[in-house]
Each structure stands twice: as C-alpha cells, then as structure tokens.
Amino acid sequence: MNTKKRLAAKILKTSPGKVRFADGSLEEISKAITRSDVRGLIAVGKINKITPNEQSRVRARENAAQKSKGRRKGKGSKKGRKFATISRKEQWMTRIRLQRLFLKELKESGLLSPSTYRALYAKSKGGYFRNKRHIKLYLTEQNLFQKK
C-alpha cells in the first residue's frame, strides 16, 4: 500500500502523508497497478488529498468580541506612538472643554469677576493651564477669587 500511496502522492503533487484512502475501497486500491489505475481511483474519489489546515479565526473572533466590550485595551496592549490611540487634538479638546466649563461655573457662582473670567479664558485658550487644578492654584496664588 505504501507504493500506491507514493504513486498517488506524485500524481496529486503532495507528500505521501497527505494522501488518504477511502475506507471501503482498500481492495480496489490494492489491485491498482499502473498510474492510470491510480488516476481512475482519484477521479472516482477513492483516493483523496487532505486539504491543508487553514488558520483558524476562532480566537481572533473571541478577542474582537472582548475588545468590543472594552476589555483587552489596557496600557500593556497599546502599540504605536504616544498619540496613536488618542490624538493630540482630542486631548486638547477634552482639556480645554473641562477648563472652560470650570471657569463658567466659577463665573456663574460669583467667584470670578467678568474681567478676570475673560483674562483666564484667554490664558486657557493659549494653553497656559495644564488642568483644572492648575487654574485653582493660579487663582489662590494671585488672589483672584471675589468675595461674595
């Protein structure tokens, strides 16, 4: 049977390990002598070539499902540059919105005069303040809080 397998492998252009014989037709295969006999058995489907393993997408789908839920997105999973995930512009937008909201709340509560509010607004637009805490620190150092 090894010779038959080797013959079939040469015809199918694969290795003998990837040639399979159908279970019920072992007698017919053993009777085959010539290459044309083996070709006939291949045509009938009694000798087959195993299809190569494709790369499974199961794990990839599972990972994608987890990522859609928000998992697997920690610091250790990040690849790329510092601003690849959140662009500089988006960071700026979140920062400036927070600062402007904070200044608006201070003005509405009466802790800032309109002129001070304008000056601080312009400073924050110019990128003077790092964050909300920096604005608070600046206001206390400069004594800019209005007395109610």
Protein backbone atom coordinates (compact mmCIF):
# COMPACT_ATOMS: atom_id res chain seq x y z
CA MET A 1 0.00 0.00 0.00
CA ASN A 2 2.97 2.30 0.56
CA THR A 3 3.87 2.16 -3.12
CA LYS A 4 0.29 3.04 -4.05
CA LYS A 5 0.36 5.93 -1.63
CA ARG A 6 3.67 7.16 -3.05
CA LEU A 7 2.30 6.89 -6.60
CA ALA A 8 -0.86 8.78 -5.69
CA ALA A 9 1.24 11.46 -3.94
CA LYS A 10 3.28 12.01 -7.10
CA ILE A 11 0.11 12.31 -9.18
CA LEU A 12 -1.55 14.66 -6.68
CA LYS A 13 1.73 16.60 -6.22
CA THR A 14 1.81 16.32 -2.42
CA SER A 15 3.61 14.27 0.20
CA PRO A 16 2.51 10.68 0.89
CA GLY A 17 1.43 11.75 4.37
CA LYS A 18 -1.33 13.88 2.87
CA VAL A 19 -2.84 11.08 0.77
CA ARG A 20 -5.91 9.30 2.20
CA PHE A 21 -7.61 6.16 1.00
CA ALA A 22 -11.38 5.69 1.37
CA ASP A 23 -12.20 3.02 3.98
CA GLY A 24 -14.39 0.71 1.91
CA SER A 25 -12.19 0.67 -1.18
CA LEU A 26 -8.89 -0.75 0.11
CA GLU A 27 -9.26 -3.91 -2.01
CA GLU A 28 -9.70 -1.91 -5.22
CA ILE A 29 -6.72 0.26 -4.36
CA SER A 30 -4.52 -2.78 -3.71
CA LYS A 31 -5.49 -4.13 -7.19
CA ALA A 32 -4.43 -0.89 -8.90
CA ILE A 33 -1.04 -1.36 -10.52
CA THR A 34 -0.44 1.38 -13.08
CA ARG A 35 -0.51 5.15 -12.80
CA SER A 36 -3.67 5.24 -14.91
CA ASP A 37 -5.39 2.89 -12.41
CA VAL A 38 -4.48 5.26 -9.57
CA ARG A 39 -5.68 8.25 -11.62
CA GLY A 40 -9.01 6.48 -12.14
CA LEU A 41 -9.35 5.91 -8.36
CA ILE A 42 -8.56 9.59 -7.74
CA ALA A 43 -11.22 10.61 -10.28
CA VAL A 44 -13.81 8.35 -8.60
CA GLY A 45 -12.91 9.74 -5.18
CA LYS A 46 -11.46 6.61 -3.58
CA ILE A 47 -8.06 8.29 -3.16
CA ASN A 48 -8.13 11.82 -1.78
CA LYS A 49 -5.71 14.58 -0.89
CA ILE A 50 -6.08 16.12 2.57
CA THR A 51 -6.77 19.84 2.35
CA PRO A 52 -4.22 21.93 4.24
CA ASN A 53 -5.20 23.41 7.57
CA GLU A 54 -6.41 26.97 7.27
CA GLN A 55 -5.59 29.41 10.02
CA SER A 56 -8.44 29.39 12.50
CA ARG A 57 -10.23 32.69 13.19
CA VAL A 58 -11.95 31.44 16.35
CA ARG A 59 -9.53 33.07 18.79
CA ALA A 60 -9.47 36.25 16.71
CA ARG A 61 -13.27 36.47 16.88
CA GLU A 62 -13.26 35.87 20.64
CA ASN A 63 -10.68 38.62 21.12
CA ALA A 64 -12.67 41.01 18.92
CA ALA A 65 -15.81 40.31 20.97
CA GLN A 66 -13.90 41.05 24.20
CA LYS A 67 -12.49 44.26 22.71
CA SER A 68 -15.96 45.40 21.67
CA LYS A 69 -16.95 45.09 25.35
CA GLY A 70 -13.99 47.29 26.25
CA ARG A 71 -11.64 44.61 27.58
CA ARG A 72 -8.03 43.98 26.49
CA LYS A 73 -7.39 47.70 26.00
CA GLY A 74 -5.06 48.43 28.91
CA LYS A 75 -1.65 50.06 28.78
CA GLY A 76 0.10 46.74 28.10
CA SER A 77 -1.96 46.15 24.96
CA LYS A 78 -1.21 49.51 23.36
CA LYS A 79 1.01 49.52 20.30
CA GLY A 80 2.18 52.53 18.39
CA ARG A 81 3.26 56.02 19.33
CA LYS A 82 2.14 58.04 22.32
CA PHE A 83 -0.62 59.81 20.40
CA ALA A 84 -1.68 56.85 18.24
CA THR A 85 -4.74 55.97 20.34
CA ILE A 86 -5.86 59.47 21.38
CA SER A 87 -4.68 62.24 19.10
CA ARG A 88 -3.19 65.47 20.40
CA LYS A 89 -6.24 67.35 19.17
CA GLU A 90 -8.67 65.13 21.09
CA GLN A 91 -6.56 65.52 24.23
CA TRP A 92 -6.59 69.29 23.76
CA MET A 93 -10.35 69.31 23.20
CA THR A 94 -11.10 67.41 26.41
CA ARG A 95 -8.70 69.59 28.41
CA ILE A 96 -9.99 72.93 27.08
CA ARG A 97 -13.65 71.92 27.50
CA LEU A 98 -13.04 70.98 31.10
CA GLN A 99 -11.22 74.26 31.79
CA ARG A 100 -13.88 76.38 30.11
CA LEU A 101 -16.65 74.60 32.00
CA PHE A 102 -14.80 75.16 35.28
CA LEU A 103 -14.33 78.88 34.53
CA LYS A 104 -18.01 79.19 33.57
CA GLU A 105 -19.07 77.58 36.86
CA LEU A 106 -16.84 79.95 38.83
CA LYS A 107 -18.27 82.97 36.98
CA GLU A 108 -21.87 81.85 37.49
CA SER A 109 -21.29 81.20 41.19
CA GLY A 110 -19.91 84.73 41.52
CA LEU A 111 -16.36 83.81 42.46
CA LEU A 112 -14.89 85.47 39.34
CA SER A 113 -15.43 88.98 38.00
CA PRO A 114 -16.20 89.22 34.29
CA SER A 115 -12.82 90.82 33.53
CA THR A 116 -10.92 88.12 35.44
CA TYR A 117 -13.01 85.46 33.71
CA ARG A 118 -12.08 86.89 30.29
CA ALA A 119 -8.39 87.02 31.18
CA LEU A 120 -8.38 83.43 32.44
CA TYR A 121 -10.39 82.28 29.43
CA ALA A 122 -7.78 83.78 27.11
CA LYS A 123 -4.95 82.19 29.14
CA SER A 124 -6.57 78.77 28.96
CA LYS A 125 -7.09 79.22 25.21
CA GLY A 126 -3.40 79.95 24.89
CA GLY A 127 -2.56 76.70 26.69
CA TYR A 128 -1.29 78.40 29.87
CA PHE A 129 -3.05 75.99 32.25
CA ARG A 130 -2.25 72.29 32.38
CA ASN A 131 -5.52 71.26 34.03
CA LYS A 132 -8.32 72.32 36.39
CA ARG A 133 -6.09 72.02 39.45
CA HIS A 134 -3.59 74.40 37.86
CA ILE A 135 -6.34 77.01 37.42
CA LYS A 136 -7.31 76.68 41.11
CA LEU A 137 -3.67 77.03 42.13
CA TYR A 138 -3.25 80.13 39.95
CA LEU A 139 -6.42 81.73 41.38
CA THR A 140 -5.30 81.20 45.00
CA GLU A 141 -1.75 82.44 44.34
CA GLN A 142 -2.95 85.58 42.53
CA ASN A 143 -5.86 86.19 44.99
CA LEU A 144 -8.35 86.44 42.14
CA PHE A 145 -11.33 84.92 43.93
CA GLN A 146 -14.08 87.52 44.53
CA LYS A 147 -15.62 87.76 47.96
CA LYS A 148 -19.35 87.06 47.94
